[in-house]
C-alpha atoms as a PDB file:
ATOM      1  CA  MET A   1     250.120  63.675 -64.848  1.00  0.00           C
ATOM      2  CA  ASP A   2     247.228  65.493 -63.189  1.00  0.00           C
ATOM      3  CA  THR A   3     245.812  68.860 -64.195  1.00  0.00           C
ATOM      4  CA  GLN A   4     247.669  70.732 -61.468  1.00  0.00           C
ATOM      5  CA  ASP A   5     251.001  69.418 -62.736  1.00  0.00           C
ATOM      6  CA  TRP A   6     250.034  70.443 -66.269  1.00  0.00           C
ATOM      7  CA  ARG A   7     249.021  73.917 -65.112  1.00  0.00           C
ATOM      8  CA  ALA A   8     252.331  74.297 -63.296  1.00  0.00           C
ATOM      9  CA  LYS A   9     254.267  73.537 -66.473  1.00  0.00           C
ATOM     10  CA  ALA A  10     252.472  76.214 -68.522  1.00  0.00           C
ATOM     11  CA  LYS A  11     254.431  79.157 -69.885  1.00  0.00           C
ATOM     12  CA  TYR A  12     252.962  82.248 -71.487  1.00  0.00           C
ATOM     13  CA  PHE A  13     253.624  84.658 -74.328  1.00  0.00           C
ATOM     14  CA  ASP A  14     251.791  87.740 -75.528  1.00  0.00           C
ATOM     15  CA  PHE A  15     249.750  87.629 -78.712  1.00  0.00           C
ATOM     16  CA  GLN A  16     248.143  90.946 -79.639  1.00  0.00           C
ATOM     17  CA  GLY A  17     247.586  91.784 -75.989  1.00  0.00           C
ATOM     18  CA  ASN A  18     246.359  88.313 -75.054  1.00  0.00           C
ATOM     19  CA  GLN A  19     248.219  85.798 -72.914  1.00  0.00           C
ATOM     20  CA  ILE A  20     248.669  82.456 -74.649  1.00  0.00           C
ATOM     21  CA  ALA A  21     249.527  79.396 -72.544  1.00  0.00           C
ATOM     22  CA  TYR A  22     252.031  76.995 -74.079  1.00  0.00           C
ATOM     23  CA  TRP A  23     254.108  73.949 -73.199  1.00  0.00           C
ATOM     24  CA  THR A  24     257.387  72.601 -74.493  1.00  0.00           C
ATOM     25  CA  GLY A  25     259.013  69.216 -74.088  1.00  0.00           C
ATOM     26  CA  GLU A  26     262.397  68.548 -72.569  1.00  0.00           C
ATOM     27  CA  ASN A  27     264.030  67.018 -75.652  1.00  0.00           C
ATOM     28  CA  THR A  28     265.390  70.363 -76.808  1.00  0.00           C
ATOM     29  CA  ASN A  29     267.993  68.914 -79.191  1.00  0.00           C
ATOM     30  CA  ALA A  30     265.383  67.051 -81.259  1.00  0.00           C
ATOM     31  CA  LYS A  31     263.359  68.368 -84.196  1.00  0.00           C
ATOM     32  CA  PRO A  32     260.330  70.390 -83.087  1.00  0.00           C
ATOM     33  CA  LEU A  33     256.877  68.811 -83.377  1.00  0.00           C
ATOM     34  CA  LEU A  34     253.962  71.242 -83.221  1.00  0.00           C
ATOM     35  CA  LEU A  35     250.789  69.812 -81.634  1.00  0.00           C
ATOM     36  CA  VAL A  36     247.533  71.633 -82.479  1.00  0.00           C
ATOM     37  CA  HIS A  37     244.472  70.720 -80.404  1.00  0.00           C
ATOM     38  CA  GLY A  38     240.768  70.572 -81.172  1.00  0.00           C
ATOM     39  CA  PHE A  39     237.421  72.058 -80.099  1.00  0.00           C
ATOM     40  CA  PRO A  40     236.259  72.440 -77.377  1.00  0.00           C
ATOM     41  CA  THR A  41     239.267  71.172 -75.476  1.00  0.00           C
ATOM     42  CA  CYS A  42     242.922  72.267 -75.361  1.00  0.00           C
ATOM     43  CA  ALA A  43     246.550  71.127 -75.298  1.00  0.00           C
ATOM     44  CA  TRP A  44     245.736  68.868 -72.332  1.00  0.00           C
ATOM     45  CA  ASP A  45     244.484  66.433 -75.027  1.00  0.00           C
ATOM     46  CA  TRP A  46     248.109  65.633 -75.875  1.00  0.00           C
ATOM     47  CA  VAL A  47     249.096  64.391 -72.415  1.00  0.00           C
ATOM     48  CA  PRO A  48     248.362  60.692 -73.240  1.00  0.00           C
ATOM     49  CA  VAL A  49     250.959  60.776 -76.065  1.00  0.00           C
ATOM     50  CA  TRP A  50     253.261  63.474 -74.670  1.00  0.00           C
ATOM     51  CA  ASP A  51     255.992  61.276 -73.208  1.00  0.00           C
ATOM     52  CA  THR A  52     256.128  58.860 -76.150  1.00  0.00           C
ATOM     53  CA  LEU A  53     256.306  61.604 -78.763  1.00  0.00           C
ATOM     54  CA  GLY A  54     258.620  63.648 -76.581  1.00  0.00           C
ATOM     55  CA  ALA A  55     261.222  60.900 -76.502  1.00  0.00           C
ATOM     56  CA  GLN A  56     261.948  61.597 -80.174  1.00  0.00           C
ATOM     57  CA  TYR A  57     260.744  65.161 -80.740  1.00  0.00           C
ATOM     58  CA  HIS A  58     260.910  68.552 -79.098  1.00  0.00           C
ATOM     59  CA  LEU A  59     257.204  69.063 -78.434  1.00  0.00           C
ATOM     60  CA  ILE A  60     255.510  72.444 -78.701  1.00  0.00           C
ATOM     61  CA  ALA A  61     251.820  72.986 -77.947  1.00  0.00           C
ATOM     62  CA  CYS A  62     249.628  75.886 -76.932  1.00  0.00           C
ATOM     63  CA  ASP A  63     246.069  76.497 -75.872  1.00  0.00           C
ATOM     64  CA  MET A  64     244.718  78.533 -78.755  1.00  0.00           C
ATOM     65  CA  LEU A  65     242.945  81.827 -78.180  1.00  0.00           C
ATOM     66  CA  GLY A  66     239.702  81.161 -76.300  1.00  0.00           C
ATOM     67  CA  PHE A  67     240.750  77.686 -75.149  1.00  0.00           C
ATOM     68  CA  GLY A  68     242.161  76.181 -71.966  1.00  0.00           C
ATOM     69  CA  LEU A  69     244.419  78.450 -69.944  1.00  0.00           C
ATOM     70  CA  SER A  70     244.833  81.089 -72.646  1.00  0.00           C
ATOM     71  CA  ASP A  71     242.930  84.356 -72.615  1.00  0.00           C
ATOM     72  CA  LYS A  72     239.314  84.223 -73.769  1.00  0.00           C
ATOM     73  CA  PRO A  73     238.263  87.525 -75.331  1.00  0.00           C
ATOM     74  CA  ARG A  74     234.619  88.039 -76.189  1.00  0.00           C
ATOM     75  CA  SER A  75     235.234  88.144 -79.941  1.00  0.00           C
ATOM     76  CA  GLY A  76     237.818  87.851 -82.702  1.00  0.00           C
ATOM     77  CA  TYR A  77     237.917  84.117 -83.429  1.00  0.00           C
ATOM     78  CA  SER A  78     238.829  82.639 -86.794  1.00  0.00           C
ATOM     79  CA  ILE A  79     241.024  79.854 -88.126  1.00  0.00           C
ATOM     80  CA  HIS A  80     243.290  82.438 -89.737  1.00  0.00           C
ATOM     81  CA  ARG A  81     243.842  84.200 -86.414  1.00  0.00           C
ATOM     82  CA  GLN A  82     244.491  80.904 -84.634  1.00  0.00           C
ATOM     83  CA  THR A  83     247.070  80.108 -87.320  1.00  0.00           C
ATOM     84  CA  ASP A  84     248.629  83.491 -86.581  1.00  0.00           C
ATOM     85  CA  VAL A  85     248.843  82.368 -82.938  1.00  0.00           C
ATOM     86  CA  GLN A  86     250.780  79.246 -83.940  1.00  0.00           C
ATOM     87  CA  GLU A  87     253.157  81.205 -86.158  1.00  0.00           C
ATOM     88  CA  ALA A  88     253.677  83.823 -83.451  1.00  0.00           C
ATOM     89  CA  MET A  89     254.539  81.109 -80.933  1.00  0.00           C
ATOM     90  CA  LEU A  90     257.036  79.483 -83.291  1.00  0.00           C
ATOM     91  CA  GLU A  91     258.648  82.861 -83.932  1.00  0.00           C
ATOM     92  CA  TYR A  92     258.713  83.612 -80.192  1.00  0.00           C
ATOM     93  CA  LEU A  93     260.489  80.299 -79.587  1.00  0.00           C
ATOM     94  CA  GLY A  94     262.878  80.766 -82.496  1.00  0.00           C
ATOM     95  CA  VAL A  95     261.588  77.670 -84.301  1.00  0.00           C
ATOM     96  CA  THR A  96     262.043  77.572 -88.064  1.00  0.00           C
ATOM     97  CA  LYS A  97     261.830  73.905 -89.092  1.00  0.00           C
ATOM     98  CA  PHE A  98     259.105  71.702 -87.624  1.00  0.00           C
ATOM     99  CA  ASP A  99     256.657  68.852 -88.219  1.00  0.00           C
ATOM    100  CA  ALA A 100     253.048  68.938 -86.992  1.00  0.00           C
ATOM    101  CA  LEU A 101     250.338  66.726 -85.514  1.00  0.00           C
ATOM    102  CA  VAL A 102     246.865  68.274 -85.698  1.00  0.00           C
ATOM    103  CA  HIS A 103     243.395  67.305 -84.459  1.00  0.00           C
ATOM    104  CA  ASP A 104     239.777  68.452 -84.958  1.00  0.00           C
ATOM    105  CA  TYR A 105     239.730  72.310 -84.962  1.00  0.00           C
ATOM    106  CA  GLY A 106     243.482  72.001 -85.389  1.00  0.00           C
ATOM    107  CA  VAL A 107     243.140  70.247 -88.761  1.00  0.00           C
ATOM    108  CA  SER A 108     241.876  73.522 -90.242  1.00  0.00           C
ATOM    109  CA  VAL A 109     244.788  75.376 -88.680  1.00  0.00           C
ATOM    110  CA  GLY A 110     247.045  72.720 -90.191  1.00  0.00           C
ATOM    111  CA  GLN A 111     245.498  73.159 -93.630  1.00  0.00           C
ATOM    112  CA  GLU A 112     245.939  76.926 -93.389  1.00  0.00           C
ATOM    113  CA  LEU A 113     249.593  76.430 -92.421  1.00  0.00           C
ATOM    114  CA  LEU A 114     250.082  74.181 -95.461  1.00  0.00           C
ATOM    115  CA  ALA A 115     248.402  76.728 -97.735  1.00  0.00           C
ATOM    116  CA  ARG A 116     250.527  79.580 -96.423  1.00  0.00           C
ATOM    117  CA  GLN A 117     253.708  77.586 -96.923  1.00  0.00           C
ATOM    118  CA  GLN A 118     252.788  77.017-100.556  1.00  0.00           C
ATOM    119  CA  GLU A 119     251.636  80.517-101.405  1.00  0.00           C
ATOM    120  CA  GLY A 120     254.679  82.565-100.510  1.00  0.00           C
ATOM    121  CA  PRO A 121     257.888  82.956 -98.526  1.00  0.00           C
ATOM    122  CA  SER A 122     257.597  82.023 -94.884  1.00  0.00           C
ATOM    123  CA  ALA A 123     259.801  82.474 -91.859  1.00  0.00           C
ATOM    124  CA  SER A 124     259.271  78.843 -90.934  1.00  0.00           C
ATOM    125  CA  ASP A 125     259.719  75.548 -92.769  1.00  0.00           C
ATOM    126  CA  LEU A 126     256.879  73.077 -92.253  1.00  0.00           C
ATOM    127  CA  GLY A 127     257.884  69.485 -92.913  1.00  0.00           C
ATOM    128  CA  GLN A 128     255.444  66.622 -92.465  1.00  0.00           C
ATOM    129  CA  MET A 129     251.944  66.875 -91.053  1.00  0.00           C
ATOM    130  CA  VAL A 130     249.865  64.112 -89.460  1.00  0.00           C
ATOM    131  CA  PHE A 131     246.117  64.676 -89.208  1.00  0.00           C
ATOM    132  CA  LEU A 132     243.750  63.114 -86.676  1.00  0.00           C
ATOM    133  CA  ASN A 133     239.935  63.145 -86.837  1.00  0.00           C
ATOM    134  CA  GLY A 134     238.504  66.493 -87.863  1.00  0.00           C
ATOM    135  CA  GLY A 135     236.516  68.398 -90.460  1.00  0.00           C
ATOM    136  CA  ILE A 136     239.125  68.216 -93.190  1.00  0.00           C
ATOM    137  CA  PHE A 137     236.338  68.007 -95.764  1.00  0.00           C
ATOM    138  CA  PRO A 138     233.331  70.179 -94.820  1.00  0.00           C
ATOM    139  CA  ASP A 139     230.882  68.012 -96.765  1.00  0.00           C
ATOM    140  CA  GLN A 140     231.836  65.063 -94.548  1.00  0.00           C
ATOM    141  CA  HIS A 141     231.511  66.925 -91.231  1.00  0.00           C
ATOM    142  CA  ARG A 142     228.516  65.758 -89.192  1.00  0.00           C
ATOM    143  CA  PRO A 143     228.135  68.135 -86.231  1.00  0.00           C
ATOM    144  CA  VAL A 144     226.662  67.036 -82.919  1.00  0.00           C
ATOM    145  CA  LEU A 145     223.584  68.782 -81.535  1.00  0.00           C
ATOM    146  CA  MET A 146     225.608  71.182 -79.376  1.00  0.00           C
ATOM    147  CA  GLN A 147     227.483  72.379 -82.471  1.00  0.00           C
ATOM    148  CA  LYS A 148     224.261  72.773 -84.441  1.00  0.00           C
ATOM    149  CA  VAL A 149     222.790  74.925 -81.686  1.00  0.00           C
ATOM    150  CA  GLY A 150     226.011  76.906 -81.349  1.00  0.00           C
ATOM    151  CA  VAL A 151     226.058  78.041 -84.987  1.00  0.00           C
ATOM    152  CA  SER A 152     222.338  78.839 -85.100  1.00  0.00           C
ATOM    153  CA  PRO A 153     220.806  82.282 -84.364  1.00  0.00           C
ATOM    154  CA  PHE A 154     220.246  80.944 -80.850  1.00  0.00           C
ATOM    155  CA  GLY A 155     223.905  80.106 -80.327  1.00  0.00           C
ATOM    156  CA  PHE A 156     224.189  82.524 -77.415  1.00  0.00           C
ATOM    157  CA  LEU A 157     221.879  80.224 -75.451  1.00  0.00           C
ATOM    158  CA  LEU A 158     224.602  77.573 -75.474  1.00  0.00           C
ATOM    159  CA  GLY A 159     226.773  79.882 -73.410  1.00  0.00           C
ATOM    160  CA  LEU A 160     223.943  80.493 -70.965  1.00  0.00           C
ATOM    161  CA  VAL A 161     222.927  76.870 -70.334  1.00  0.00           C
ATOM    162  CA  ASN A 162     226.189  74.998 -70.847  1.00  0.00           C
ATOM    163  CA  ASN A 163     227.404  73.128 -67.767  1.00  0.00           C
ATOM    164  CA  ARG A 164     229.438  70.079 -66.796  1.00  0.00           C
ATOM    165  CA  ASN A 165     226.545  67.628 -67.159  1.00  0.00           C
ATOM    166  CA  LEU A 166     225.447  68.828 -70.598  1.00  0.00           C
ATOM    167  CA  PHE A 167     229.040  68.863 -71.768  1.00  0.00           C
ATOM    168  CA  GLY A 168     229.681  65.354 -70.486  1.00  0.00           C
ATOM    169  CA  LYS A 169     226.668  63.881 -72.284  1.00  0.00           C
ATOM    170  CA  SER A 170     227.455  65.588 -75.593  1.00  0.00           C
ATOM    171  CA  PHE A 171     231.206  65.046 -75.485  1.00  0.00           C
ATOM    172  CA  SER A 172     230.979  61.351 -74.648  1.00  0.00           C
ATOM    173  CA  GLN A 173     228.937  60.741 -77.805  1.00  0.00           C
ATOM    174  CA  VAL A 174     231.953  61.270 -80.077  1.00  0.00           C
ATOM    175  CA  PHE A 175     234.063  58.557 -78.413  1.00  0.00           C
ATOM    176  CA  GLY A 176     233.996  54.870 -79.276  1.00  0.00           C
ATOM    177  CA  PRO A 177     231.585  52.698 -77.225  1.00  0.00           C
ATOM    178  CA  GLN A 178     234.458  50.922 -75.451  1.00  0.00           C
ATOM    179  CA  THR A 179     236.693  53.983 -75.026  1.00  0.00           C
ATOM    180  CA  LYS A 180     234.416  56.617 -73.522  1.00  0.00           C
ATOM    181  CA  PRO A 181     235.966  59.002 -70.988  1.00  0.00           C
ATOM    182  CA  SER A 182     235.481  58.336 -67.296  1.00  0.00           C
ATOM    183  CA  GLU A 183     233.765  60.869 -65.063  1.00  0.00           C
ATOM    184  CA  ARG A 184     237.189  61.918 -63.788  1.00  0.00           C
ATOM    185  CA  GLU A 185     238.431  62.460 -67.341  1.00  0.00           C
ATOM    186  CA  LEU A 186     235.333  64.482 -68.187  1.00  0.00           C
ATOM    187  CA  ASP A 187     235.986  66.596 -65.087  1.00  0.00           C
ATOM    188  CA  GLN A 188     239.511  67.250 -66.347  1.00  0.00           C
ATOM    189  CA  PHE A 189     238.382  68.267 -69.816  1.00  0.00           C
ATOM    190  CA  TRP A 190     235.696  70.515 -68.312  1.00  0.00           C
ATOM    191  CA  GLU A 191     238.167  72.124 -65.899  1.00  0.00           C
ATOM    192  CA  PHE A 192     240.051  73.650 -68.815  1.00  0.00           C
ATOM    193  CA  ILE A 193     236.963  74.445 -70.904  1.00  0.00           C
ATOM    194  CA  ALA A 194     235.340  76.332 -68.024  1.00  0.00           C
ATOM    195  CA  HIS A 195     238.555  78.108 -66.985  1.00  0.00           C
ATOM    196  CA  ASN A 196     237.978  81.865 -66.979  1.00  0.00           C
ATOM    197  CA  GLY A 197     234.420  81.395 -68.276  1.00  0.00           C
ATOM    198  CA  GLY A 198     235.376  79.594 -71.460  1.00  0.00           C
ATOM    199  CA  HIS A 199     232.153  77.606 -71.528  1.00  0.00           C
ATOM    200  CA  ARG A 200     230.292  80.897 -72.042  1.00  0.00           C
ATOM    201  CA  ILE A 201     231.990  81.604 -75.380  1.00  0.00           C
ATOM    202  CA  MET A 202     231.903  78.158 -76.980  1.00  0.00           C
ATOM    203  CA  HIS A 203     229.385  79.332 -79.594  1.00  0.00           C
ATOM    204  CA  LYS A 204     231.829  82.038 -80.679  1.00  0.00           C
ATOM    205  CA  LEU A 205     234.614  79.505 -81.167  1.00  0.00           C
ATOM    206  CA  LEU A 206     232.321  77.612 -83.548  1.00  0.00           C
ATOM    207  CA  HIS A 207     233.006  80.228 -86.226  1.00  0.00           C
ATOM    208  CA  TYR A 208     235.493  77.694 -87.567  1.00  0.00           C
ATOM    209  CA  ILE A 209     232.630  75.780 -89.205  1.00  0.00           C
ATOM    210  CA  ALA A 210     231.889  78.780 -91.462  1.00  0.00           C
ATOM    211  CA  ASP A 211     235.627  79.228 -92.077  1.00  0.00           C
ATOM    212  CA  ARG A 212     235.835  75.664 -93.356  1.00  0.00           C
ATOM    213  CA  ARG A 213     233.094  76.208 -95.890  1.00  0.00           C
ATOM    214  CA  LYS A 214     234.522  79.531 -97.041  1.00  0.00           C
ATOM    215  CA  HIS A 215     238.052  78.217 -97.553  1.00  0.00           C
ATOM    216  CA  GLU A 216     237.198  74.671 -98.605  1.00  0.00           C
ATOM    217  CA  ALA A 217     238.682  74.851-102.107  1.00  0.00           C
ATOM    218  CA  ARG A 218     241.935  76.457-100.973  1.00  0.00           C
ATOM    219  CA  TRP A 219     242.461  74.112 -98.045  1.00  0.00           C
ATOM    220  CA  GLU A 220     241.641  71.003-100.054  1.00  0.00           C
ATOM    221  CA  ALA A 221     244.056  72.135-102.783  1.00  0.00           C
ATOM    222  CA  ALA A 222     246.758  72.459-100.129  1.00  0.00           C
ATOM    223  CA  LEU A 223     246.280  68.783 -99.275  1.00  0.00           C
ATOM    224  CA  VAL A 224     246.369  67.671-102.887  1.00  0.00           C
ATOM    225  CA  ARG A 225     249.644  69.499-103.486  1.00  0.00           C
ATOM    226  CA  THR A 226     251.338  68.000-100.402  1.00  0.00           C
ATOM    227  CA  GLN A 227     250.299  64.342-100.552  1.00  0.00           C
ATOM    228  CA  ASP A 228     253.894  63.205-100.142  1.00  0.00           C
ATOM    229  CA  LYS A 229     254.197  64.701 -96.667  1.00  0.00           C
ATOM    230  CA  ILE A 230     250.775  64.279 -95.045  1.00  0.00           C
ATOM    231  CA  GLY A 231     248.889  61.404 -93.433  1.00  0.00           C
ATOM    232  CA  LEU A 232     245.605  60.740 -91.626  1.00  0.00           C
ATOM    233  CA  ILE A 233     245.122  58.607 -88.513  1.00  0.00           C
ATOM    234  CA  ASN A 234     241.370  58.191 -88.156  1.00  0.00           C
ATOM    235  CA  GLY A 235     239.110  56.773 -85.455  1.00  0.00           C
ATOM    236  CA  ALA A 236     236.474  54.902 -87.457  1.00  0.00           C
ATOM    237  CA  LEU A 237     233.647  55.106 -84.891  1.00  0.00           C
ATOM    238  CA  ASP A 238     233.616  58.889 -84.689  1.00  0.00           C
ATOM    239  CA  PRO A 239     230.085  60.073 -85.640  1.00  0.00           C
ATOM    240  CA  VAL A 240     231.436  63.504 -86.613  1.00  0.00           C
ATOM    241  CA  SER A 241     234.420  62.671 -88.843  1.00  0.00           C
ATOM    242  CA  GLY A 242     234.911  58.913 -88.698  1.00  0.00           C
ATOM    243  CA  LYS A 243     235.255  56.331 -91.460  1.00  0.00           C
ATOM    244  CA  HIS A 244     233.177  58.402 -93.871  1.00  0.00           C
ATOM    245  CA  ALA A 245     235.795  61.172 -93.646  1.00  0.00           C
ATOM    246  CA  TYR A 246     238.597  58.613 -93.913  1.00  0.00           C
ATOM    247  CA  ASP A 247     237.070  57.290 -97.134  1.00  0.00           C
ATOM    248  CA  LYS A 248     236.921  60.831 -98.529  1.00  0.00           C
ATOM    249  CA  TRP A 249     240.602  61.306 -97.638  1.00  0.00           C
ATOM    250  CA  ARG A 250     241.538  58.226 -99.660  1.00  0.00           C
ATOM    251  CA  GLU A 251     239.521  59.551-102.591  1.00  0.00           C
ATOM    252  CA  VAL A 252     240.856  63.125-102.585  1.00  0.00           C
ATOM    253  CA  VAL A 253     244.505  62.430-101.706  1.00  0.00           C
ATOM    254  CA  PRO A 254     245.020  58.838-102.916  1.00  0.00           C
ATOM    255  CA  THR A 255     248.807  58.833-102.520  1.00  0.00           C
ATOM    256  CA  ALA A 256     248.789  60.292 -98.994  1.00  0.00           C
ATOM    257  CA  ARG A 257     249.280  57.980 -96.017  1.00  0.00           C
ATOM    258  CA  HIS A 258     246.281  56.718 -94.075  1.00  0.00           C
ATOM    259  CA  HIS A 259     245.620  54.545 -91.036  1.00  0.00           C
ATOM    260  CA  LEU A 260     242.187  53.553 -89.695  1.00  0.00           C
ATOM    261  CA  ILE A 261     241.679  52.585 -86.048  1.00  0.00           C
ATOM    262  CA  GLU A 262     238.493  50.525 -86.121  1.00  0.00           C
ATOM    263  CA  THR A 263     237.632  50.624 -82.413  1.00  0.00           C
ATOM    264  CA  VAL A 264     237.841  54.304 -81.424  1.00  0.00           C
ATOM    265  CA  GLY A 265     236.072  57.588 -82.077  1.00  0.00           C
ATOM    266  CA  HIS A 266     236.898  61.263 -82.414  1.00  0.00           C
ATOM    267  CA  TYR A 267     239.827  61.490 -79.954  1.00  0.00           C
ATOM    268  CA  PRO A 268     242.236  58.745 -81.100  1.00  0.00           C
ATOM    269  CA  GLN A 269     245.163  60.259 -79.199  1.00  0.00           C
ATOM    270  CA  VAL A 270     243.133  59.844 -75.995  1.00  0.00           C
ATOM    271  CA  GLU A 271     241.351  56.588 -76.855  1.00  0.00           C
ATOM    272  CA  ALA A 272     244.303  54.734 -78.438  1.00  0.00           C
ATOM    273  CA  PRO A 273     247.394  56.741 -77.463  1.00  0.00           C
ATOM    274  CA  ASP A 274     249.969  53.993 -78.002  1.00  0.00           C
ATOM    275  CA  GLU A 275     248.766  53.206 -81.523  1.00  0.00           C
ATOM    276  CA  VAL A 276     248.516  56.866 -82.484  1.00  0.00           C
ATOM    277  CA  ALA A 277     251.978  57.712 -81.167  1.00  0.00           C
ATOM    278  CA  ALA A 278     253.565  54.678 -82.825  1.00  0.00           C
ATOM    279  CA  LYS A 279     252.004  55.366 -86.228  1.00  0.00           C
ATOM    280  CA  ALA A 280     252.749  59.092 -86.097  1.00  0.00           C
ATOM    281  CA  LEU A 281     256.393  58.462 -85.213  1.00  0.00           C
ATOM    282  CA  GLU A 282     256.676  55.853 -87.963  1.00  0.00           C
ATOM    283  CA  TRP A 283     255.435  58.318 -90.572  1.00  0.00           C
ATOM    284  CA  LEU A 284     257.439  61.256 -89.274  1.00  0.00           C
ATOM    285  CA  ALA A 285     260.633  59.210 -89.385  1.00  0.00           C
ATOM    286  CA  SER A 286     260.104  58.140 -93.000  1.00  0.00           C
END
C-alpha cells in the first residue's frame, strides 16, 4: 500500500472541535483490536502488520491529536488527552470490548487505559494488551538528541530547523543496523509528520516525557496488577528502549509475557512485521 491509498482510506470524527483521522479493518465480525502509534509518526506505522492482524481482528487505529492526518493545534497535548481521543473514537464506533497493541508514545496511552479500567467503571472493556518498544519505565528511557533538544528551554528551535534531512538522520538511529528504513520509507514517514505543519510542533508533542515521570508510580502499578493480560515484544537493538527496558520489564512484571527480537530496534512492527504479528496473535488468542 502506498501513502495515497492510505490517505484515501482515512475516515474522520470530531474530538473537541478537532478532526481526528482513523482507519478500520474490513473484518467487522471479529473482535476489535486497537492499535496505538508512537512519536513522531502515526497510524501509518501499522501498515506492515495490517493485513496479517486484520485477518483475525477488526482493526481500529487513529492518528492521535497532533500526528499524521489529524488536526494539529498549537497546544493542548498530554497523554491523558490522547487517551481521551482513543476512548472517544471507541465510543464513536460503538466499541465496548477490545484488545490493544501499543507502541512508543502509545505505550503511555496504553498504561493510562489500563489504569482507568482498574480505577472505576468504564464504558469499554479492555482485554489483553501487547506492548512494543517504548518508555514504559521512565528510568530506562534514553532519549535521542532531537528529544533532548525538544524538551529543553530551546525546544521551539526544533520546530524552526526541523526538516526531512535532520529527521532522517535522527530517526534512522533508533532502527537496527540491518533494518534501517530506506530513503523512500523515510519520505513516507516524513510525509505524514510534515502534513499540515506537524514538524513545527514536534517539541510540543514531547510533553509526554514529563507525563511519564509524573505518573510513573500509577502507570507502573497498572502493569503490576494486570500481569496476566499484558506482554512485551521488544526490539533489543533499540538505543532508546531496547534490551535494557526489556530486562526491567522482566524484573517489574515477572509473570507477564515477554519476547525479545535480537536483531531489530525501536520499530519492531516495521523492522520484523511477520514476527511481531505472529507473536501478538499468539498471545491474543491465548
